[in-house]
Amino acid sequence: MIVGMTRAVRALVAVGLLLTTVSCVRSRPESIPERAGLGTVPASDLGFERHAGAVDWPASSDWVPPGSGLRALVPLSSCVLALGDYQNGYRAVTANWTGGPACDRLRLDPAPSAPRDSGERPDGWAGGGVSADAVIVEPGGAILAASSSGLARYRGGKREELARADLSKAGFEGQGSRSRVGGMVRTSSGRIIINADLVDTAGPPPAVLVSDDGGRSMHRVDLPAPAGPHPPSRQLLAVLAADGDTVVAIGYGWQHPGAWRSTDGGRTWSVSAIDGLPEQLILTRVVHSGGRWTAFGGVDRTEKRSQDTTYVLTSTDGLHWKPGPTAGMGAGRITDVTVDASGTLVATGVIDDSRPHVEGVRDDYCGVVWLGDGTHPWRRGELGCGDAPPQAVTTLRDGRVLIAGNRDLWLRATTTS
């Protein structure tokens, strides 16, 4: 199981800074968002049971910037290792969550401790656990982590430093640096490929980092530029995924994004251009299931003063893409996707403009879950509205599906027809 942090999620942190002056009135969660023409089918109809307040809150205060906190779920043992950050009152620090066999409760692990004395003023809990922007659970159970400083392996509570590299860049104004890592995969032959935003400001092509020795070293591989009548623009890789030794990536840029595929574990690459994509499209995930590749994202409709809409791309070869069905999806922006034990795609997302803004009242968000196969209409369920929408989804080792946000989690015990 592969989990990567997307730029789209990290970018929401900047939006959160604009909300710090809003009153700290907490929104009341609603079971069904009956507003703005949204759907009214509860997620319970799709088999999901909500566990309210089952996730330890990732802050010392009652507010977390959008997109921060719990950001990724990694199946581990009978539950998960959840990755994210904790707002300690002064800064964001590394935080992990774990759960027991029932996996109906996620607790901060390690738990926050009292502020330590820095000599001048308390600077909050220092954080702890696995620090990563993308992780892979290796065959032996170790966790391979990629971050702004390179690669590390966590095993038996110990951290092993692997390949070192400066994968940081200037962050949003006033936020210092942020990581370039946007995803990581491991092929069946053991090669590790990292999407690390290595493109130079001078232009294409994008590049990936590749390790052939289990993470002890990395080297850069430039990807080919798409051919055709349109000159290539500066591009970054939006999403990256692998199935066996086939690796697929899709870029984003100002015009004609590229699609790349390697069938030999990242040694050589083919490329094609994708035409006709909507403006303001943000791709967040790509997965392989049912003999096809499916990429997910959302179209930002902010300038048109309407809700974001979902967007789906499908491909049988990972190189040539066409729009996929969105019937039944409705409003929302997909943030994470998993494939359940039956091969069904389970996507979760959020509606962040579900009602008009009210001065002095904290904005809230509505969570959504979709089930489908990438070829037929989707089944949509509403996860309710509140100040902590769902942010991640995964399939547990026993086949259950877990969705989690910063406050609540949802479990589906069995697959649905």
Protein backbone atom coordinates (compact mmCIF):
# COMPACT_ATOMS: atom_id res chain seq x y z
CA MET A 1 0.00 0.00 0.00
CA ILE A 2 1.40 3.36 -1.02
CA VAL A 3 0.57 6.67 0.51
CA GLY A 4 1.81 10.01 -0.83
CA MET A 5 1.19 13.59 0.25
CA THR A 6 -0.05 15.78 -2.61
CA ARG A 7 0.69 19.41 -3.24
CA ALA A 8 -3.04 20.05 -3.33
CA VAL A 9 -3.37 18.98 0.31
CA ARG A 10 -0.31 20.90 1.44
CA ALA A 11 -1.49 24.02 -0.38
CA LEU A 12 -4.57 24.14 1.80
CA VAL A 13 -2.36 25.11 4.73
CA ALA A 14 -1.86 28.53 3.12
CA VAL A 15 -5.61 28.98 2.90
CA GLY A 16 -5.86 28.13 6.58
CA LEU A 17 -3.67 31.08 7.53
CA LEU A 18 -6.33 33.39 6.14
CA LEU A 19 -8.88 31.93 8.53
CA THR A 20 -7.07 32.59 11.79
CA THR A 21 -9.05 35.77 12.43
CA VAL A 22 -12.39 33.95 12.25
CA SER A 23 -14.24 33.40 15.52
CA CYS A 24 -13.59 30.08 17.24
CA VAL A 25 -17.27 29.08 17.21
CA ARG A 26 -17.21 25.37 16.43
CA SER A 27 -19.57 24.12 13.74
CA ARG A 28 -22.07 21.48 14.74
CA PRO A 29 -21.66 18.29 12.65
CA GLU A 30 -24.67 17.49 10.50
CA SER A 31 -25.58 13.97 9.39
CA ILE A 32 -26.68 14.95 5.87
CA PRO A 33 -25.72 18.21 4.14
CA GLU A 34 -29.15 19.33 2.90
CA ARG A 35 -27.89 22.57 1.45
CA ALA A 36 -26.85 23.97 -1.90
CA GLY A 37 -28.40 21.05 -3.75
CA LEU A 38 -26.08 18.46 -2.26
CA GLY A 39 -26.92 14.78 -2.08
CA THR A 40 -28.96 13.32 0.76
CA VAL A 41 -27.87 9.66 0.86
CA PRO A 42 -26.00 9.03 4.14
CA ALA A 43 -22.75 7.07 4.00
CA SER A 44 -24.38 4.50 6.29
CA ASP A 45 -26.39 3.37 3.26
CA LEU A 46 -23.05 2.38 1.71
CA GLY A 47 -22.01 0.44 4.81
CA PHE A 48 -19.98 3.09 6.65
CA GLU A 49 -20.39 3.49 10.41
CA ARG A 50 -19.38 6.83 11.89
CA HIS A 51 -17.33 6.94 15.11
CA ALA A 52 -17.69 10.52 16.29
CA GLY A 53 -14.77 12.00 18.24
CA ALA A 54 -12.70 8.84 17.77
CA VAL A 55 -9.58 10.64 16.48
CA ASP A 56 -7.31 12.51 18.89
CA TRP A 57 -7.42 16.20 17.96
CA PRO A 58 -4.11 17.34 16.36
CA ALA A 59 -3.67 20.64 18.17
CA SER A 60 -3.28 22.22 21.57
CA SER A 61 -6.06 24.67 20.61
CA ASP A 62 -9.49 24.06 19.08
CA TRP A 63 -8.46 25.04 15.53
CA VAL A 64 -6.38 23.29 12.86
CA PRO A 65 -5.50 24.85 9.47
CA PRO A 66 -7.35 23.18 6.57
CA GLY A 67 -5.35 20.26 5.20
CA SER A 68 -3.26 19.93 8.37
CA GLY A 69 -3.44 17.30 11.07
CA LEU A 70 -4.03 13.69 10.05
CA ARG A 71 -3.13 13.46 6.35
CA ALA A 72 -2.47 9.82 5.43
CA LEU A 73 -3.38 6.30 6.56
CA VAL A 74 -0.91 3.43 6.20
CA PRO A 75 -2.28 -0.10 6.82
CA LEU A 76 -0.12 -1.65 9.51
CA SER A 77 -0.78 -4.74 11.64
CA SER A 78 -4.50 -4.88 12.51
CA CYS A 79 -5.10 -1.14 12.06
CA VAL A 80 -3.09 1.77 10.65
CA LEU A 81 -0.24 4.13 11.20
CA ALA A 82 -1.66 7.59 10.52
CA LEU A 83 0.76 10.32 9.50
CA GLY A 84 0.42 14.06 9.90
CA ASP A 85 1.27 16.98 12.13
CA TYR A 86 0.27 18.52 15.45
CA GLN A 87 -0.19 22.25 16.00
CA ASN A 88 1.55 22.77 19.35
CA GLY A 89 0.68 26.45 19.71
CA TYR A 90 3.89 27.69 18.09
CA ARG A 91 4.51 25.44 15.08
CA ALA A 92 3.50 22.22 13.36
CA VAL A 93 5.41 19.16 14.59
CA THR A 94 5.43 15.53 13.46
CA ALA A 95 2.53 13.43 14.75
CA ASN A 96 1.40 9.82 14.33
CA TRP A 97 -1.80 8.02 15.30
CA THR A 98 -2.29 4.29 15.93
CA GLY A 99 -5.23 2.07 16.82
CA GLY A 100 -6.10 -1.32 18.24
CA PRO A 101 -7.54 -4.37 16.45
CA ALA A 102 -11.04 -2.85 16.30
CA CYS A 103 -9.51 0.22 14.58
CA ASP A 104 -12.46 2.32 15.77
CA ARG A 105 -10.24 4.73 17.69
CA LEU A 106 -7.03 6.52 16.63
CA ARG A 107 -4.83 7.91 19.39
CA LEU A 108 -1.78 10.14 19.09
CA ASP A 109 1.29 7.91 19.45
CA PRO A 110 3.42 9.17 21.08
CA ALA A 111 0.96 11.31 23.01
CA PRO A 112 1.72 15.03 23.36
CA SER A 113 3.74 15.90 26.45
CA ALA A 114 3.89 19.11 28.45
CA PRO A 115 5.77 22.03 26.84
CA ARG A 116 9.45 21.95 27.48
CA ASP A 117 11.37 24.99 28.72
CA SER A 118 13.45 26.44 25.89
CA GLY A 119 15.19 28.86 28.21
CA GLU A 120 13.16 31.81 26.98
CA ARG A 121 9.58 30.52 26.65
CA PRO A 122 7.80 27.20 26.29
CA ASP A 123 7.75 26.19 22.64
CA GLY A 124 5.23 23.37 22.82
CA TRP A 125 5.41 19.64 22.38
CA ALA A 126 8.28 18.62 20.09
CA GLY A 127 6.33 15.90 18.27
CA GLY A 128 7.42 12.35 17.56
CA GLY A 129 7.04 9.23 15.45
CA VAL A 130 7.56 8.67 11.73
CA SER A 131 8.26 11.91 9.88
CA ALA A 132 7.40 11.58 6.20
CA ASP A 133 5.74 13.16 3.18
CA ALA A 134 5.37 9.74 1.52
CA VAL A 135 5.80 6.22 2.87
CA ILE A 136 5.88 2.61 1.76
CA VAL A 137 5.39 -0.42 3.98
CA GLU A 138 8.08 -2.84 2.81
CA PRO A 139 7.54 -6.63 2.52
CA GLY A 140 9.19 -7.25 5.90
CA GLY A 141 7.04 -4.67 7.66
CA ALA A 142 9.59 -1.84 7.83
CA ILE A 143 8.44 1.65 6.89
CA LEU A 144 10.38 3.47 4.18
CA ALA A 145 9.84 7.21 4.56
CA ALA A 146 10.62 10.05 2.17
CA SER A 147 10.85 13.60 3.47
CA SER A 148 12.52 16.90 2.67
CA SER A 149 15.83 15.51 3.97
CA GLY A 150 15.81 12.28 1.95
CA LEU A 151 15.03 8.66 2.84
CA ALA A 152 14.87 6.85 6.17
CA ARG A 153 13.71 3.42 7.33
CA TYR A 154 11.76 2.83 10.54
CA ARG A 155 11.87 -0.65 12.03
CA GLY A 156 11.26 -1.83 15.59
CA GLY A 157 11.01 1.72 16.88
CA LYS A 158 14.40 2.68 15.42
CA ARG A 159 15.20 5.07 12.58
CA GLU A 160 17.88 4.22 9.99
CA GLU A 161 19.20 7.09 7.90
CA LEU A 162 19.41 6.22 4.20
CA ALA A 163 20.06 8.45 1.18
CA ARG A 164 20.31 12.12 2.15
CA ALA A 165 19.19 14.96 -0.13
CA ASP A 166 17.85 18.47 0.25
CA LEU A 167 14.31 18.10 -1.07
CA SER A 168 12.99 21.32 0.39
CA LYS A 169 11.98 24.57 -1.24
CA ALA A 170 10.73 27.95 -0.13
CA GLY A 171 7.27 27.70 1.38
CA PHE A 172 4.34 30.02 1.29
CA GLU A 173 5.00 33.51 2.63
CA GLY A 174 5.89 33.35 6.30
CA GLN A 175 6.04 29.53 6.41
CA GLY A 176 9.73 28.85 5.89
CA SER A 177 10.49 25.82 3.70
CA ARG A 178 8.30 22.94 2.57
CA SER A 179 8.99 19.54 1.09
CA ARG A 180 9.32 18.80 -2.60
CA VAL A 181 8.23 15.17 -2.11
CA GLY A 182 4.90 14.48 -3.79
CA GLY A 183 4.78 10.69 -3.82
CA MET A 184 6.77 7.47 -3.77
CA VAL A 185 6.30 3.95 -5.17
CA ARG A 186 8.09 0.62 -4.97
CA THR A 187 8.07 -1.66 -8.02
CA SER A 188 7.85 -5.45 -7.87
CA SER A 189 11.55 -5.62 -8.72
CA GLY A 190 12.34 -3.48 -5.66
CA ARG A 191 13.16 -0.19 -7.34
CA ILE A 192 12.06 2.94 -5.45
CA ILE A 193 10.81 5.94 -7.44
CA ILE A 194 10.11 9.32 -5.87
CA ASN A 195 8.19 12.26 -7.28
CA ALA A 196 10.24 15.08 -5.84
CA ASP A 197 9.40 18.21 -7.87
CA LEU A 198 12.88 18.43 -9.40
CA VAL A 199 12.01 20.53 -12.42
CA ASP A 200 14.07 23.69 -12.77
CA THR A 201 12.52 27.08 -13.33
CA ALA A 202 14.10 27.07 -16.78
CA GLY A 203 11.54 24.58 -18.06
CA PRO A 204 10.95 20.89 -18.82
CA PRO A 205 11.41 18.04 -18.50
CA PRO A 206 10.21 16.85 -15.10
CA ALA A 207 12.31 14.27 -13.32
CA VAL A 208 12.09 11.58 -10.66
CA LEU A 209 14.54 10.22 -8.12
CA VAL A 210 15.30 6.51 -8.38
CA SER A 211 16.95 4.12 -5.93
CA ASP A 212 18.20 0.70 -7.04
CA ASP A 213 19.69 -0.31 -3.68
CA GLY A 214 16.82 -0.15 -1.20
CA GLY A 215 17.11 3.56 -0.52
CA ARG A 216 20.82 3.76 0.32
CA SER A 217 21.42 6.03 -2.68
CA MET A 218 19.32 7.94 -5.21
CA HIS A 219 19.90 9.28 -8.68
CA ARG A 220 17.93 11.64 -10.88
CA VAL A 221 16.17 10.41 -14.01
CA ASP A 222 14.90 13.05 -16.45
CA LEU A 223 11.64 12.14 -18.13
CA PRO A 224 11.16 12.69 -21.88
CA ALA A 225 9.21 15.71 -23.10
CA PRO A 226 5.94 15.14 -25.01
CA ALA A 227 6.26 15.51 -28.78
CA GLY A 228 3.76 17.34 -30.97
CA PRO A 229 2.93 20.77 -32.37
CA HIS A 230 2.73 22.40 -28.95
CA PRO A 231 6.04 23.31 -27.30
CA PRO A 232 6.39 21.72 -23.88
CA SER A 233 5.71 23.99 -20.94
CA ARG A 234 7.24 23.81 -17.51
CA GLN A 235 5.64 20.80 -15.83
CA LEU A 236 5.64 19.06 -12.50
CA LEU A 237 4.39 15.57 -11.72
CA ALA A 238 0.99 15.64 -10.07
CA VAL A 239 0.45 11.94 -9.35
CA LEU A 240 2.54 8.75 -9.40
CA ALA A 241 1.57 5.08 -8.99
CA ALA A 242 2.87 1.59 -9.70
CA ASP A 243 1.45 -1.83 -10.47
CA GLY A 244 4.09 -4.51 -10.58
CA ASP A 245 6.94 -3.10 -12.64
CA THR A 246 4.70 -0.64 -14.49
CA VAL A 247 4.95 2.92 -13.22
CA VAL A 248 2.59 5.69 -14.33
CA ALA A 249 2.80 9.45 -13.75
CA ILE A 250 0.71 12.39 -14.88
CA GLY A 251 1.96 15.95 -14.88
CA TYR A 252 0.37 19.31 -14.63
CA GLY A 253 1.45 22.48 -16.29
CA TRP A 254 0.13 25.49 -18.10
CA GLN A 255 -0.72 23.59 -21.29
CA HIS A 256 -1.00 19.98 -22.47
CA PRO A 257 0.08 17.97 -19.40
CA GLY A 258 2.19 14.91 -20.07
CA ALA A 259 1.54 11.29 -19.15
CA TRP A 260 4.52 9.01 -18.54
CA ARG A 261 4.77 5.23 -18.31
CA SER A 262 7.58 2.83 -17.58
CA THR A 263 7.08 -0.92 -18.00
CA ASP A 264 10.53 -1.88 -16.72
CA GLY A 265 10.41 -0.48 -13.21
CA GLY A 266 11.51 3.05 -14.06
CA ARG A 267 14.54 2.29 -16.27
CA THR A 268 13.02 3.68 -19.47
CA TRP A 269 9.98 5.88 -20.04
CA SER A 270 7.41 6.61 -22.74
CA VAL A 271 5.43 9.84 -22.88
CA SER A 272 2.29 11.26 -24.46
CA ALA A 273 0.40 14.53 -24.12
CA ILE A 274 -3.10 14.81 -22.63
CA ASP A 275 -5.31 17.31 -24.41
CA GLY A 276 -8.62 18.86 -23.49
CA LEU A 277 -8.29 18.96 -19.71
CA PRO A 278 -10.27 21.69 -17.92
CA GLU A 279 -8.57 24.74 -16.49
CA GLN A 280 -7.90 24.73 -12.74
CA LEU A 281 -7.79 20.92 -12.61
CA ILE A 282 -5.90 19.54 -9.61
CA LEU A 283 -5.14 15.81 -9.78
CA THR A 284 -4.74 14.16 -6.39
CA ARG A 285 -4.48 10.39 -6.90
CA VAL A 286 -4.00 7.69 -9.53
CA VAL A 287 -4.67 3.99 -8.85
CA HIS A 288 -4.77 0.70 -10.76
CA SER A 289 -7.75 -1.64 -10.50
CA GLY A 290 -9.77 -3.88 -12.79
CA GLY A 291 -7.15 -3.83 -15.55
CA ARG A 292 -7.23 -0.05 -15.89
CA TRP A 293 -5.72 3.10 -14.42
CA THR A 294 -7.97 5.77 -12.92
CA ALA A 295 -6.86 9.28 -11.97
CA PHE A 296 -8.89 11.53 -9.68
CA GLY A 297 -9.01 15.20 -8.95
CA GLY A 298 -11.17 18.28 -8.80
CA VAL A 299 -11.80 21.41 -10.82
CA ASP A 300 -11.54 24.61 -8.81
CA ARG A 301 -14.66 26.67 -9.49
CA THR A 302 -13.81 29.47 -7.05
CA GLU A 303 -13.70 32.18 -9.71
CA LYS A 304 -17.16 31.16 -10.94
CA ARG A 305 -18.57 31.29 -7.40
CA SER A 306 -19.77 27.70 -7.56
CA GLN A 307 -18.74 24.46 -5.90
CA ASP A 308 -15.72 22.43 -6.93
CA THR A 309 -16.51 19.47 -9.18
CA THR A 310 -14.89 16.06 -9.33
CA TYR A 311 -12.92 14.93 -12.36
CA VAL A 312 -11.91 11.43 -13.48
CA LEU A 313 -9.45 10.21 -16.11
CA THR A 314 -9.13 6.58 -17.22
CA SER A 315 -6.55 4.63 -19.20
CA THR A 316 -6.01 1.00 -20.13
CA ASP A 317 -2.28 1.40 -20.75
CA GLY A 318 -1.33 4.26 -18.41
CA LEU A 319 -0.15 6.35 -21.34
CA HIS A 320 -3.27 7.39 -23.25
CA TRP A 321 -6.01 8.95 -21.15
CA LYS A 322 -9.62 10.01 -21.63
CA PRO A 323 -12.25 11.53 -19.32
CA GLY A 324 -13.96 8.95 -17.14
CA PRO A 325 -17.57 8.84 -15.95
CA THR A 326 -18.58 11.29 -13.24
CA ALA A 327 -22.29 10.49 -13.20
CA GLY A 328 -23.46 10.28 -9.60
CA MET A 329 -20.48 12.20 -8.22
CA GLY A 330 -21.89 15.70 -7.85
CA ALA A 331 -20.12 18.51 -6.02
CA GLY A 332 -16.89 17.94 -4.14
CA ARG A 333 -13.14 17.63 -4.52
CA ILE A 334 -11.56 14.18 -4.23
CA THR A 335 -8.66 14.09 -1.78
CA ASP A 336 -7.82 10.39 -1.37
CA VAL A 337 -8.62 7.01 -2.96
CA THR A 338 -8.21 3.36 -2.05
CA VAL A 339 -9.06 0.06 -3.72
CA ASP A 340 -11.03 -2.30 -1.49
CA ALA A 341 -10.71 -6.09 -1.29
CA SER A 342 -13.23 -6.58 -4.10
CA GLY A 343 -11.47 -4.16 -6.46
CA THR A 344 -14.00 -1.37 -5.93
CA LEU A 345 -12.62 2.17 -5.92
CA VAL A 346 -13.42 4.07 -2.73
CA ALA A 347 -12.79 7.81 -2.94
CA THR A 348 -13.31 10.42 -0.26
CA GLY A 349 -13.42 14.15 -0.59
CA VAL A 350 -14.74 17.43 0.70
CA ILE A 351 -17.03 20.30 -0.20
CA ASP A 352 -15.38 23.41 1.19
CA ASP A 353 -17.96 25.95 0.05
CA SER A 354 -21.15 24.19 1.07
CA ARG A 355 -22.87 27.33 2.35
CA PRO A 356 -22.32 31.09 2.21
CA HIS A 357 -19.69 32.47 4.54
CA VAL A 358 -21.08 34.03 7.72
CA GLU A 359 -18.95 36.70 9.39
CA GLY A 360 -17.84 35.60 12.85
CA VAL A 361 -18.78 31.95 12.30
CA ARG A 362 -16.12 29.42 11.45
CA ASP A 363 -16.45 27.90 7.99
CA ASP A 364 -17.28 24.24 7.88
CA TYR A 365 -16.87 21.48 5.34
CA CYS A 366 -18.95 18.55 4.13
CA GLY A 367 -17.42 15.11 3.63
CA VAL A 368 -18.29 12.78 0.77
CA VAL A 369 -17.50 9.16 -0.15
CA TRP A 370 -17.88 7.63 -3.61
CA LEU A 371 -17.88 3.96 -4.67
CA GLY A 372 -17.34 2.83 -8.26
CA ASP A 373 -15.21 1.03 -10.81
CA GLY A 374 -14.19 3.90 -13.08
CA THR A 375 -16.50 2.82 -15.92
CA HIS A 376 -20.06 3.08 -14.53
CA PRO A 377 -21.97 5.74 -12.54
CA TRP A 378 -20.75 6.29 -9.00
CA ARG A 379 -22.56 5.69 -5.72
CA ARG A 380 -22.27 8.70 -3.45
CA GLY A 381 -22.67 8.92 0.32
CA GLU A 382 -22.61 11.96 2.60
CA LEU A 383 -20.30 11.88 5.64
CA GLY A 384 -21.77 14.97 7.30
CA CYS A 385 -20.55 18.53 7.82
CA GLY A 386 -18.35 20.10 10.44
CA ASP A 387 -14.97 21.73 11.09
CA ALA A 388 -12.94 18.53 10.50
CA PRO A 389 -13.78 16.82 7.19
CA PRO A 390 -12.42 13.41 6.12
CA GLN A 391 -8.85 13.67 4.86
CA ALA A 392 -7.67 10.11 4.15
CA VAL A 393 -8.96 6.64 3.28
CA THR A 394 -7.35 3.20 3.14
CA THR A 395 -8.18 -0.49 3.01
CA LEU A 396 -7.11 -2.39 6.11
CA ARG A 397 -5.38 -5.74 5.86
CA ASP A 398 -8.56 -7.56 6.87
CA GLY A 399 -10.55 -5.88 4.08
CA ARG A 400 -12.32 -3.18 6.08
CA VAL A 401 -12.25 0.37 4.70
CA LEU A 402 -11.27 3.21 7.04
CA ILE A 403 -11.91 6.91 6.44
CA ALA A 404 -10.50 9.43 8.92
CA GLY A 405 -10.37 13.14 9.56
CA ASN A 406 -9.07 15.17 12.47
CA ARG A 407 -12.04 14.40 14.71
CA ASP A 408 -14.13 11.49 13.38
CA LEU A 409 -13.57 8.21 11.58
CA TRP A 410 -15.78 5.94 9.51
CA LEU A 411 -15.48 2.17 9.10
CA ARG A 412 -17.01 -0.13 6.52
CA ALA A 413 -16.81 -3.69 7.73
CA THR A 414 -17.81 -5.47 4.53
CA THR A 415 -17.86 -4.76 0.83
CA THR A 416 -21.09 -3.60 -0.77
CA SER A 417 -22.63 -4.71 -4.03
